[in-house]
Amino acid sequence: MEDQQLIHRIALSMLKGIGPVNARNLVAYCGGVDALFTDPRIKRSLEKVPGIGPKLITNILDKKVLDAARKELDYVRKSKLRMLFYLDADYPQRLKQAEDAPVLMYVRGAADLEAPRMVAIVGTRQPTDEGRRLCEQLVVGLKSAGVTIVSGLAYGVDIVAHRTALREGMPTIGCVAHGLDRLYPAEHANTAREMVREGALVSELPSSSPFAPGNFPARNRLIAGLSDCTIVVESGPKGGSLITADIANSYDREVFAFPGRPTDARSEGCNKLIQQNKAALITSAEDVITFMEWQPKKKKKAAAQAALFTELQPEEQLLVDILRERGKVDIDELCVQSRMAQGKAAGLLLNLEFNGVVRALPGKVYMLN
């Protein structure tokens, strides 16, 4: 891809006052990312975009953002970072389903952000000894399911999860609330370097971004959005782990929590999640594996499977053929390939799921059973 296109993508993500939702609207209304920064008549188009007023138009037309984007591209190349843009085929599909997902992410490390099984583990920054033990046992127990561990590289439960994963030879991904030119907290620098070899660090913020309180809740949506499920080990009545759990629920992802003693303040958040039906109660990794249906599958007889397929209606057979050829496919791609309306495809897929032919995965992704 040409430098100018990359610069425009970075500039889009750096526009002041423009969040991910508005950024997508800008691209849609203005005919693409490049047009936003090169079309001399762009101001007229911007005036028609919902939610974009005069002040934001001034920010968009300010050419200083392109200078900053050029500088950032130099840093990305010098540091050998990966950039994932929301329109790219390699942008994580789980995250793509979230309407507030970042338009651009920076990645240090070679971890697969599309790994088959991704689990977020979060919790208090001051866990009890029991909380640390539970976290370690949880990670070890998930190893047999081929899980990638996702967390926030923070003190407490986060760093216990990352370090246990590294010790067990499991890939682990740290989502951070700052640019990848720095690390917070500094005490976790050695762990972060090891994670880059075995996994990755991920951020939506460019280098030299200032630390700001609002960065942390935004970081939490990356943790939840990249993962199939979120597990809260210990949490007080407030905190970032509960924000992550709420975000995971809003993304229609599974949330699990370890229960604790009613008198223990560091279990109050978990108990509340369970009480309010915002999280399923678990006591071990085996519970998670069972809930997520990650147990080893027994092989079905080929003859029975073939016989099942012959009973399908033509439109059902078309969807099955696409899934057989492509493996895991989200509903949008299925609609494109089959030329079906989403409502029709969804109804057929639901019927196929009931009959045991296909399996629904998080993020409206389907695969053959």
Protein backbone atom coordinates (compact mmCIF):
# COMPACT_ATOMS: atom_id res chain seq x y z
CA MET A 1 0.00 0.00 0.00
CA GLU A 2 1.25 3.50 -0.84
CA ASP A 3 2.53 5.75 1.93
CA GLN A 4 -0.17 8.35 1.28
CA GLN A 5 -2.94 5.83 1.89
CA LEU A 6 -1.33 4.70 5.15
CA ILE A 7 -0.90 8.32 6.25
CA HIS A 8 -4.59 8.98 5.59
CA ARG A 9 -5.59 5.96 7.66
CA ILE A 10 -3.45 7.11 10.57
CA ALA A 11 -4.75 10.66 10.23
CA LEU A 12 -8.36 9.41 10.38
CA SER A 13 -7.64 7.74 13.72
CA MET A 14 -5.95 10.91 15.05
CA LEU A 15 -8.73 13.41 14.28
CA LYS A 16 -9.61 15.36 17.42
CA GLY A 17 -13.13 14.85 18.71
CA ILE A 18 -13.87 12.11 16.19
CA GLY A 19 -14.54 8.74 17.76
CA PRO A 20 -14.67 5.37 15.97
CA VAL A 21 -18.38 5.62 15.11
CA ASN A 22 -18.07 9.10 13.58
CA ALA A 23 -14.87 8.07 11.79
CA ARG A 24 -16.75 5.27 10.03
CA ASN A 25 -19.54 7.70 9.11
CA LEU A 26 -16.99 10.09 7.62
CA VAL A 27 -15.53 7.38 5.41
CA ALA A 28 -18.99 6.24 4.29
CA TYR A 29 -20.33 9.72 3.50
CA CYS A 30 -17.16 11.08 1.91
CA GLY A 31 -16.42 8.20 -0.45
CA GLY A 32 -13.41 6.69 1.27
CA VAL A 33 -10.50 7.55 3.53
CA ASP A 34 -8.35 9.18 0.86
CA ALA A 35 -11.17 11.45 -0.34
CA LEU A 36 -11.51 12.81 3.18
CA PHE A 37 -8.04 14.35 2.93
CA THR A 38 -7.65 15.00 -0.80
CA ASP A 39 -11.03 16.02 -2.25
CA PRO A 40 -11.08 19.85 -2.61
CA ARG A 41 -14.89 19.82 -2.27
CA ILE A 42 -14.84 17.74 0.90
CA LYS A 43 -16.24 20.51 3.11
CA ARG A 44 -19.62 20.23 1.37
CA SER A 45 -19.69 16.50 2.03
CA LEU A 46 -18.69 16.97 5.67
CA GLU A 47 -21.61 19.30 6.27
CA LYS A 48 -23.98 16.43 5.43
CA VAL A 49 -22.47 13.92 7.88
CA PRO A 50 -24.65 13.39 10.99
CA GLY A 51 -22.94 14.47 14.20
CA ILE A 52 -20.25 16.53 12.45
CA GLY A 53 -20.60 20.22 13.25
CA PRO A 54 -18.49 23.29 12.34
CA LYS A 55 -15.92 22.70 15.09
CA LEU A 56 -15.26 19.11 14.04
CA ILE A 57 -15.12 20.14 10.37
CA THR A 58 -12.37 22.61 11.31
CA ASN A 59 -10.45 19.80 13.03
CA ILE A 60 -10.82 17.54 10.00
CA LEU A 61 -9.62 20.20 7.56
CA ASP A 62 -6.58 21.06 9.70
CA LYS A 63 -3.60 19.80 7.69
CA LYS A 64 -1.47 19.46 10.84
CA VAL A 65 -3.02 16.05 11.38
CA LEU A 66 -1.35 14.81 8.18
CA ASP A 67 2.05 15.97 9.45
CA ALA A 68 1.47 14.07 12.69
CA ALA A 69 0.37 11.00 10.71
CA ARG A 70 3.57 11.07 8.59
CA LYS A 71 5.64 11.16 11.75
CA GLU A 72 3.66 8.26 13.19
CA LEU A 73 4.17 6.17 10.05
CA ASP A 74 7.93 6.70 10.39
CA TYR A 75 7.72 5.44 13.98
CA VAL A 76 5.63 2.42 12.97
CA ARG A 77 8.16 1.38 10.35
CA LYS A 78 11.17 2.01 12.55
CA SER A 79 9.61 -0.03 15.35
CA LYS A 80 8.32 -2.75 13.00
CA LEU A 81 4.74 -2.47 14.26
CA ARG A 82 1.72 -3.94 12.53
CA MET A 83 -1.21 -1.66 11.69
CA LEU A 84 -4.69 -3.15 11.45
CA PHE A 85 -7.33 -0.96 9.76
CA TYR A 86 -11.03 -1.71 10.18
CA LEU A 87 -11.57 -2.23 6.44
CA ASP A 88 -8.68 -4.70 6.12
CA ALA A 89 -9.30 -8.43 5.76
CA ASP A 90 -6.88 -9.15 8.64
CA TYR A 91 -8.69 -6.86 11.12
CA PRO A 92 -9.87 -9.16 13.96
CA GLN A 93 -13.36 -10.41 13.14
CA ARG A 94 -14.47 -10.52 16.79
CA LEU A 95 -13.63 -6.85 17.17
CA LYS A 96 -15.12 -5.94 13.81
CA GLN A 97 -18.56 -6.88 15.19
CA ALA A 98 -18.35 -4.02 17.75
CA GLU A 99 -19.58 -0.72 16.32
CA ASP A 100 -17.25 1.26 18.62
CA ALA A 101 -14.14 -0.76 17.71
CA PRO A 102 -11.10 1.38 16.83
CA VAL A 103 -10.62 2.22 13.17
CA LEU A 104 -6.90 1.54 13.53
CA MET A 105 -4.82 -0.59 15.90
CA TYR A 106 -1.08 -0.90 16.42
CA VAL A 107 0.40 -4.31 17.25
CA ARG A 108 3.87 -5.22 18.51
CA GLY A 109 4.45 -8.95 18.23
CA ALA A 110 3.28 -11.74 15.96
CA ALA A 111 0.38 -13.15 17.99
CA ASP A 112 -2.67 -14.25 16.05
CA LEU A 113 -5.48 -11.88 17.01
CA GLU A 114 -7.83 -14.29 15.23
CA ALA A 115 -6.79 -17.32 17.30
CA PRO A 116 -9.62 -19.88 17.55
CA ARG A 117 -10.12 -19.37 21.30
CA MET A 118 -9.45 -16.07 23.08
CA VAL A 119 -10.17 -15.55 26.78
CA ALA A 120 -9.97 -12.26 28.66
CA ILE A 121 -8.96 -12.51 32.32
CA VAL A 122 -9.39 -9.39 34.45
CA GLY A 123 -9.70 -8.42 38.09
CA THR A 124 -8.56 -6.26 40.95
CA ARG A 125 -5.12 -4.69 41.09
CA GLN A 126 -4.77 -5.95 44.68
CA PRO A 127 -5.84 -9.60 44.63
CA THR A 128 -5.81 -11.81 47.68
CA ASP A 129 -3.51 -14.82 47.83
CA GLU A 130 -6.56 -16.93 47.00
CA GLY A 131 -7.31 -14.71 44.00
CA ARG A 132 -3.78 -15.15 42.67
CA ARG A 133 -4.04 -18.92 43.12
CA LEU A 134 -7.41 -19.03 41.35
CA CYS A 135 -6.02 -16.99 38.45
CA GLU A 136 -2.98 -19.24 38.05
CA GLN A 137 -5.10 -22.41 38.21
CA LEU A 138 -7.55 -20.92 35.70
CA VAL A 139 -4.84 -20.21 33.12
CA VAL A 140 -3.22 -23.62 33.58
CA GLY A 141 -6.61 -25.31 33.26
CA LEU A 142 -7.37 -23.49 30.01
CA LYS A 143 -4.14 -24.62 28.39
CA SER A 144 -5.62 -27.92 27.22
CA ALA A 145 -8.29 -25.99 25.25
CA GLY A 146 -5.64 -24.13 23.22
CA VAL A 147 -6.60 -20.74 24.61
CA THR A 148 -4.91 -17.37 24.04
CA ILE A 149 -4.99 -15.21 27.20
CA VAL A 150 -5.95 -11.53 26.84
CA SER A 151 -5.59 -8.93 29.60
CA GLY A 152 -4.47 -5.38 30.32
CA LEU A 153 -0.88 -5.75 31.64
CA ALA A 154 -1.94 -3.94 34.81
CA TYR A 155 -1.01 -4.73 38.42
CA GLY A 156 -2.76 -7.62 40.14
CA VAL A 157 -4.86 -10.18 38.29
CA ASP A 158 -3.78 -8.94 34.83
CA ILE A 159 -0.08 -9.53 35.32
CA VAL A 160 -0.65 -12.86 37.10
CA ALA A 161 -2.64 -14.06 34.06
CA HIS A 162 0.05 -12.91 31.60
CA ARG A 163 2.96 -14.39 33.55
CA THR A 164 1.21 -17.71 34.12
CA ALA A 165 0.47 -17.96 30.40
CA LEU A 166 4.11 -17.28 29.58
CA ARG A 167 5.26 -19.88 32.09
CA GLU A 168 2.91 -22.43 30.51
CA GLY A 169 4.02 -21.61 26.96
CA MET A 170 0.63 -20.13 26.05
CA PRO A 171 0.21 -17.09 23.77
CA THR A 172 -0.89 -13.98 25.64
CA ILE A 173 -1.93 -10.52 24.45
CA GLY A 174 -1.70 -7.31 26.45
CA CYS A 175 -4.00 -4.41 25.56
CA VAL A 176 -2.52 -1.14 26.81
CA ALA A 177 -3.92 2.36 27.38
CA HIS A 178 -1.02 4.27 25.82
CA GLY A 179 1.13 4.29 22.70
CA LEU A 180 3.52 1.40 22.12
CA ASP A 181 6.53 3.69 22.52
CA ARG A 182 6.22 3.40 26.29
CA LEU A 183 5.05 0.97 28.94
CA TYR A 184 2.94 1.37 32.04
CA PRO A 185 3.63 0.21 34.65
CA ALA A 186 7.40 0.19 34.14
CA GLU A 187 7.77 -2.76 36.54
CA HIS A 188 6.17 -4.98 33.91
CA ALA A 189 8.68 -4.14 31.17
CA ASN A 190 10.47 -7.51 31.28
CA THR A 191 7.17 -9.36 31.11
CA ALA A 192 6.06 -7.16 28.20
CA ARG A 193 9.25 -7.95 26.27
CA GLU A 194 8.69 -11.65 26.82
CA MET A 195 5.05 -11.27 25.74
CA VAL A 196 6.13 -9.74 22.43
CA ARG A 197 8.09 -12.93 21.71
CA GLU A 198 5.23 -15.23 22.73
CA GLY A 199 2.24 -13.01 21.94
CA ALA A 200 1.67 -9.30 21.41
CA LEU A 201 0.99 -5.84 22.79
CA VAL A 202 -1.96 -3.98 21.27
CA SER A 203 -3.00 -0.31 21.37
CA GLU A 204 -5.24 2.00 19.39
CA LEU A 205 -3.21 5.04 20.45
CA PRO A 206 -0.28 6.47 18.46
CA SER A 207 3.15 6.99 19.97
CA SER A 208 3.63 9.90 22.39
CA SER A 209 -0.05 9.83 23.39
CA PRO A 210 -0.47 11.44 26.81
CA PHE A 211 -1.72 9.37 29.71
CA ALA A 212 -5.39 10.14 30.32
CA PRO A 213 -8.05 8.52 32.56
CA GLY A 214 -10.36 8.02 29.58
CA ASN A 215 -7.80 5.80 27.87
CA PHE A 216 -8.37 2.95 30.31
CA PRO A 217 -12.11 2.31 29.71
CA ALA A 218 -11.36 2.58 25.96
CA ARG A 219 -8.58 -0.01 26.42
CA ASN A 220 -11.06 -2.29 28.23
CA ARG A 221 -13.26 -2.52 25.13
CA LEU A 222 -10.26 -3.93 23.24
CA ILE A 223 -9.86 -6.63 25.89
CA ALA A 224 -13.55 -7.54 25.72
CA GLY A 225 -13.83 -7.15 21.95
CA LEU A 226 -10.88 -9.40 21.10
CA SER A 227 -12.14 -12.22 23.31
CA ASP A 228 -14.77 -14.95 23.13
CA CYS A 229 -15.44 -14.54 26.83
CA THR A 230 -14.35 -12.45 29.82
CA ILE A 231 -13.56 -13.90 33.24
CA VAL A 232 -13.49 -11.74 36.39
CA VAL A 233 -11.34 -13.36 39.08
CA GLU A 234 -11.69 -10.85 41.92
CA SER A 235 -13.13 -7.34 41.93
CA GLY A 236 -14.30 -4.68 44.33
CA PRO A 237 -17.65 -2.91 43.92
CA LYS A 238 -16.14 -0.61 41.28
CA GLY A 239 -13.23 -0.77 38.88
CA GLY A 240 -11.98 -1.45 35.40
CA SER A 241 -12.73 -5.18 35.48
CA LEU A 242 -16.45 -4.48 35.97
CA ILE A 243 -16.34 -2.01 33.07
CA THR A 244 -14.77 -4.74 30.93
CA ALA A 245 -17.50 -7.18 31.99
CA ASP A 246 -20.23 -4.66 31.09
CA ILE A 247 -18.64 -4.06 27.69
CA ALA A 248 -18.38 -7.81 27.05
CA ASN A 249 -22.09 -8.14 27.86
CA SER A 250 -22.90 -5.31 25.46
CA TYR A 251 -20.99 -7.21 22.75
CA ASP A 252 -23.07 -10.31 23.49
CA ARG A 253 -20.01 -12.20 24.74
CA GLU A 254 -20.01 -14.63 27.66
CA VAL A 255 -18.95 -13.31 31.07
CA PHE A 256 -17.87 -15.51 33.97
CA ALA A 257 -16.95 -14.71 37.59
CA PHE A 258 -15.56 -16.57 40.58
CA PRO A 259 -17.82 -16.16 43.64
CA GLY A 260 -16.33 -15.00 46.94
CA ARG A 261 -17.20 -14.56 50.58
CA PRO A 262 -19.94 -11.96 51.15
CA THR A 263 -17.69 -10.22 53.67
CA ASP A 264 -14.71 -9.94 51.30
CA ALA A 265 -14.65 -6.50 49.63
CA ARG A 266 -12.50 -7.84 46.79
CA SER A 267 -15.24 -10.32 45.87
CA GLU A 268 -18.08 -7.81 46.02
CA GLY A 269 -17.92 -7.00 42.32
CA CYS A 270 -17.92 -10.68 41.27
CA ASN A 271 -20.80 -11.54 43.58
CA LYS A 272 -22.80 -8.61 42.23
CA LEU A 273 -22.21 -9.67 38.60
CA ILE A 274 -23.47 -13.16 39.43
CA GLN A 275 -26.42 -11.86 41.48
CA GLN A 276 -27.54 -9.56 38.64
CA ASN A 277 -27.17 -12.34 36.03
CA LYS A 278 -24.40 -10.40 34.29
CA ALA A 279 -21.95 -13.27 34.76
CA ALA A 280 -22.16 -17.04 35.07
CA LEU A 281 -20.71 -18.53 38.25
CA ILE A 282 -17.60 -20.64 37.75
CA THR A 283 -15.24 -22.42 40.11
CA SER A 284 -12.64 -23.74 37.66
CA ALA A 285 -11.35 -23.72 34.10
CA GLU A 286 -13.40 -26.84 33.44
CA ASP A 287 -16.57 -24.80 33.99
CA VAL A 288 -15.46 -22.32 31.33
CA ILE A 289 -14.57 -25.08 28.86
CA THR A 290 -17.99 -26.67 29.42
CA PHE A 291 -19.92 -23.39 29.10
CA MET A 292 -18.04 -22.50 25.89
CA GLU A 293 -18.41 -26.05 24.50
CA TRP A 294 -14.68 -26.36 24.02
CA GLN A 295 -14.46 -30.03 24.94
CA PRO A 296 -12.83 -32.31 22.36
CA LYS A 297 -15.46 -33.26 19.78
CA LYS A 298 -16.19 -36.88 18.98
CA LYS A 299 -15.82 -37.70 15.31
CA LYS A 300 -19.12 -38.22 13.55
CA LYS A 301 -19.59 -40.96 11.03
CA ALA A 302 -18.99 -39.62 7.53
CA ALA A 303 -21.94 -41.56 6.13
CA ALA A 304 -24.36 -40.04 8.61
CA GLN A 305 -23.00 -36.55 7.92
CA ALA A 306 -23.31 -37.02 4.17
CA ALA A 307 -26.85 -38.31 4.54
CA LEU A 308 -27.75 -35.25 6.61
CA PHE A 309 -26.46 -32.90 3.92
CA THR A 310 -28.52 -34.62 1.20
CA GLU A 311 -31.73 -33.68 3.04
CA LEU A 312 -31.04 -29.94 2.83
CA GLN A 313 -33.08 -27.47 0.83
CA PRO A 314 -31.21 -25.80 -2.08
CA GLU A 315 -30.65 -22.49 -0.25
CA GLU A 316 -29.50 -24.33 2.88
CA GLN A 317 -27.15 -26.42 0.75
CA LEU A 318 -25.71 -23.22 -0.73
CA LEU A 319 -24.81 -21.90 2.75
CA VAL A 320 -23.36 -25.28 3.74
CA ASP A 321 -21.22 -25.38 0.59
CA ILE A 322 -19.81 -21.91 1.38
CA LEU A 323 -18.98 -22.94 4.94
CA ARG A 324 -17.40 -26.20 3.74
CA GLU A 325 -15.15 -24.26 1.37
CA ARG A 326 -14.24 -21.35 3.63
CA GLY A 327 -14.38 -22.76 7.17
CA LYS A 328 -15.47 -20.05 9.61
CA VAL A 329 -17.50 -17.29 7.95
CA ASP A 330 -19.35 -14.31 9.43
CA ILE A 331 -22.95 -13.66 8.42
CA ASP A 332 -22.08 -10.58 6.35
CA GLU A 333 -19.70 -12.59 4.16
CA LEU A 334 -22.22 -15.43 3.89
CA CYS A 335 -24.81 -12.96 2.62
CA VAL A 336 -22.36 -11.60 0.04
CA GLN A 337 -21.33 -15.04 -1.19
CA SER A 338 -24.87 -16.43 -1.28
CA ARG A 339 -26.52 -13.19 -2.45
CA MET A 340 -29.15 -13.55 0.25
CA ALA A 341 -30.71 -10.87 2.43
CA GLN A 342 -29.38 -11.04 5.98
CA GLY A 343 -32.81 -11.83 7.46
CA LYS A 344 -33.28 -14.81 5.13
CA ALA A 345 -29.75 -16.12 5.71
CA ALA A 346 -30.16 -15.77 9.48
CA GLY A 347 -33.37 -17.79 9.41
CA LEU A 348 -31.78 -20.57 7.34
CA LEU A 349 -28.70 -20.63 9.58
CA LEU A 350 -30.89 -20.89 12.69
CA ASN A 351 -32.68 -23.89 11.19
CA LEU A 352 -29.35 -25.47 10.25
CA GLU A 353 -28.11 -24.89 13.80
CA PHE A 354 -31.20 -26.55 15.28
CA ASN A 355 -30.57 -29.56 13.01
CA GLY A 356 -26.95 -29.82 14.12
CA VAL A 357 -25.48 -28.97 10.72
CA VAL A 358 -23.81 -25.66 11.62
CA ARG A 359 -22.51 -24.12 14.78
CA ALA A 360 -22.80 -20.43 15.76
CA LEU A 361 -19.66 -18.83 17.17
CA PRO A 362 -19.29 -15.45 18.94
CA GLY A 363 -19.53 -12.42 16.65
CA LYS A 364 -22.18 -13.94 14.32
CA VAL A 365 -19.59 -16.30 12.83
CA TYR A 366 -20.65 -19.77 11.62
CA MET A 367 -18.92 -23.04 10.85
CA LEU A 368 -19.96 -26.59 9.98
CA ASN A 369 -20.46 -28.94 12.90
